[in-house]
C-alpha atoms as a PDB file:
ATOM      1  CA  MET A   1      15.276  -2.063 -19.596  1.00  0.00           C
ATOM      2  CA  PHE A   2      11.656  -1.820 -20.639  1.00  0.00           C
ATOM      3  CA  ALA A   3      10.626  -0.981 -17.147  1.00  0.00           C
ATOM      4  CA  VAL A   4      13.210   1.708 -16.864  1.00  0.00           C
ATOM      5  CA  GLU A   5      11.984   3.250 -20.186  1.00  0.00           C
ATOM      6  CA  GLN A   6       8.433   3.234 -18.822  1.00  0.00           C
ATOM      7  CA  LEU A   7       9.519   4.969 -15.571  1.00  0.00           C
ATOM      8  CA  ILE A   8      11.353   7.626 -17.603  1.00  0.00           C
ATOM      9  CA  GLU A   9       8.361   7.996 -19.915  1.00  0.00           C
ATOM     10  CA  THR A  10       6.243   8.974 -16.896  1.00  0.00           C
ATOM     11  CA  ILE A  11       7.649  12.486 -17.305  1.00  0.00           C
ATOM     12  CA  THR A  12       5.556  12.866 -20.504  1.00  0.00           C
ATOM     13  CA  ILE A  13       2.583  13.720 -18.325  1.00  0.00           C
ATOM     14  CA  ILE A  14       4.265  16.987 -17.468  1.00  0.00           C
ATOM     15  CA  GLY A  15       6.158  17.681 -20.616  1.00  0.00           C
ATOM     16  CA  PRO A  16       5.779  20.972 -22.502  1.00  0.00           C
ATOM     17  CA  PRO A  17       3.756  20.902 -25.759  1.00  0.00           C
ATOM     18  CA  ALA A  18       5.663  20.037 -28.883  1.00  0.00           C
ATOM     19  CA  SER A  19       8.682  18.846 -27.195  1.00  0.00           C
ATOM     20  CA  PHE A  20      10.504  15.433 -27.128  1.00  0.00           C
ATOM     21  CA  ILE A  21       8.883  14.451 -23.801  1.00  0.00           C
ATOM     22  CA  SER A  22       5.398  15.969 -24.350  1.00  0.00           C
ATOM     23  CA  PRO A  23       2.266  13.555 -23.962  1.00  0.00           C
ATOM     24  CA  GLY A  24       1.983  11.618 -27.173  1.00  0.00           C
ATOM     25  CA  GLY A  25       5.304  13.042 -28.346  1.00  0.00           C
ATOM     26  CA  THR A  26       8.269  11.636 -30.275  1.00  0.00           C
ATOM     27  CA  MET A  27       9.770   9.828 -27.184  1.00  0.00           C
ATOM     28  CA  ASN A  28       6.529   7.682 -27.070  1.00  0.00           C
ATOM     29  CA  PHE A  29       6.879   6.613 -30.695  1.00  0.00           C
ATOM     30  CA  TYR A  30      10.459   6.460 -31.339  1.00  0.00           C
ATOM     31  CA  LEU A  31      11.685   5.070 -27.902  1.00  0.00           C
ATOM     32  CA  GLY A  32       8.676   3.451 -26.396  1.00  0.00           C
ATOM     33  CA  GLY A  33       7.483   1.441 -29.155  1.00  0.00           C
ATOM     34  CA  PRO A  34      10.624  -0.246 -30.370  1.00  0.00           C
ATOM     35  CA  LEU A  35      11.681  -0.981 -26.624  1.00  0.00           C
ATOM     36  CA  PHE A  36       8.264  -2.579 -26.027  1.00  0.00           C
ATOM     37  CA  ILE A  37       8.727  -4.851 -29.028  1.00  0.00           C
ATOM     38  CA  ILE A  38      12.301  -5.669 -28.293  1.00  0.00           C
ATOM     39  CA  PHE A  39      11.388  -6.574 -24.621  1.00  0.00           C
ATOM     40  CA  PHE A  40       8.669  -9.028 -25.556  1.00  0.00           C
ATOM     41  CA  LEU A  41      10.682 -10.489 -28.405  1.00  0.00           C
ATOM     42  CA  ALA A  42      13.537 -11.084 -25.959  1.00  0.00           C
ATOM     43  CA  LEU A  43      11.110 -12.497 -23.368  1.00  0.00           C
ATOM     44  CA  GLY A  44       9.685 -14.954 -25.932  1.00  0.00           C
ATOM     45  CA  VAL A  45      13.178 -16.117 -26.974  1.00  0.00           C
ATOM     46  CA  ALA A  46      14.236 -16.579 -23.434  1.00  0.00           C
ATOM     47  CA  LEU A  47      11.141 -18.598 -22.614  1.00  0.00           C
ATOM     48  CA  SER A  48      11.337 -20.726 -25.692  1.00  0.00           C
ATOM     49  CA  LEU A  49      14.875 -21.940 -25.138  1.00  0.00           C
ATOM     50  CA  GLN A  50      15.167 -25.421 -23.907  1.00  0.00           C
ATOM     51  CA  GLN A  51      16.752 -26.095 -20.629  1.00  0.00           C
ATOM     52  CA  PRO A  52      19.572 -28.575 -20.605  1.00  0.00           C
ATOM     53  CA  VAL A  53      18.637 -32.041 -19.392  1.00  0.00           C
ATOM     54  CA  GLU A  54      21.105 -32.080 -16.499  1.00  0.00           C
ATOM     55  CA  ASP A  55      19.576 -28.878 -15.181  1.00  0.00           C
ATOM     56  CA  ARG A  56      16.010 -30.082 -15.195  1.00  0.00           C
ATOM     57  CA  PRO A  57      14.368 -31.271 -11.924  1.00  0.00           C
ATOM     58  CA  ALA A  58      14.066 -34.973 -11.659  1.00  0.00           C
ATOM     59  CA  THR A  59      10.600 -36.294 -12.241  1.00  0.00           C
ATOM     60  CA  VAL A  60       8.907 -38.517  -9.600  1.00  0.00           C
ATOM     61  CA  ASP A  61       6.672 -41.354 -10.546  1.00  0.00           C
ATOM     62  CA  GLU A  62       3.656 -41.740  -8.376  1.00  0.00           C
ATOM     63  CA  PRO A  63       2.831 -45.211  -7.220  1.00  0.00           C
ATOM     64  CA  ALA A  64      -0.401 -46.665  -8.789  1.00  0.00           C
ATOM     65  CA  ALA A  65      -3.211 -46.835  -6.200  1.00  0.00           C
END
């Protein structure tokens, strides 16, 4: 979702002054910022969740040399 928003936001380089899609306009503040925060919060939550034990790969003990 964040990547799609960033692709859409590339139109701000050609947006007319004082419009929703103008460079540094309201789309950057009201759409881009919150989506950026939501994306990284969701990424952090997804990476911090523990994987069930049965889904983890088996560990292999190396023989002592």
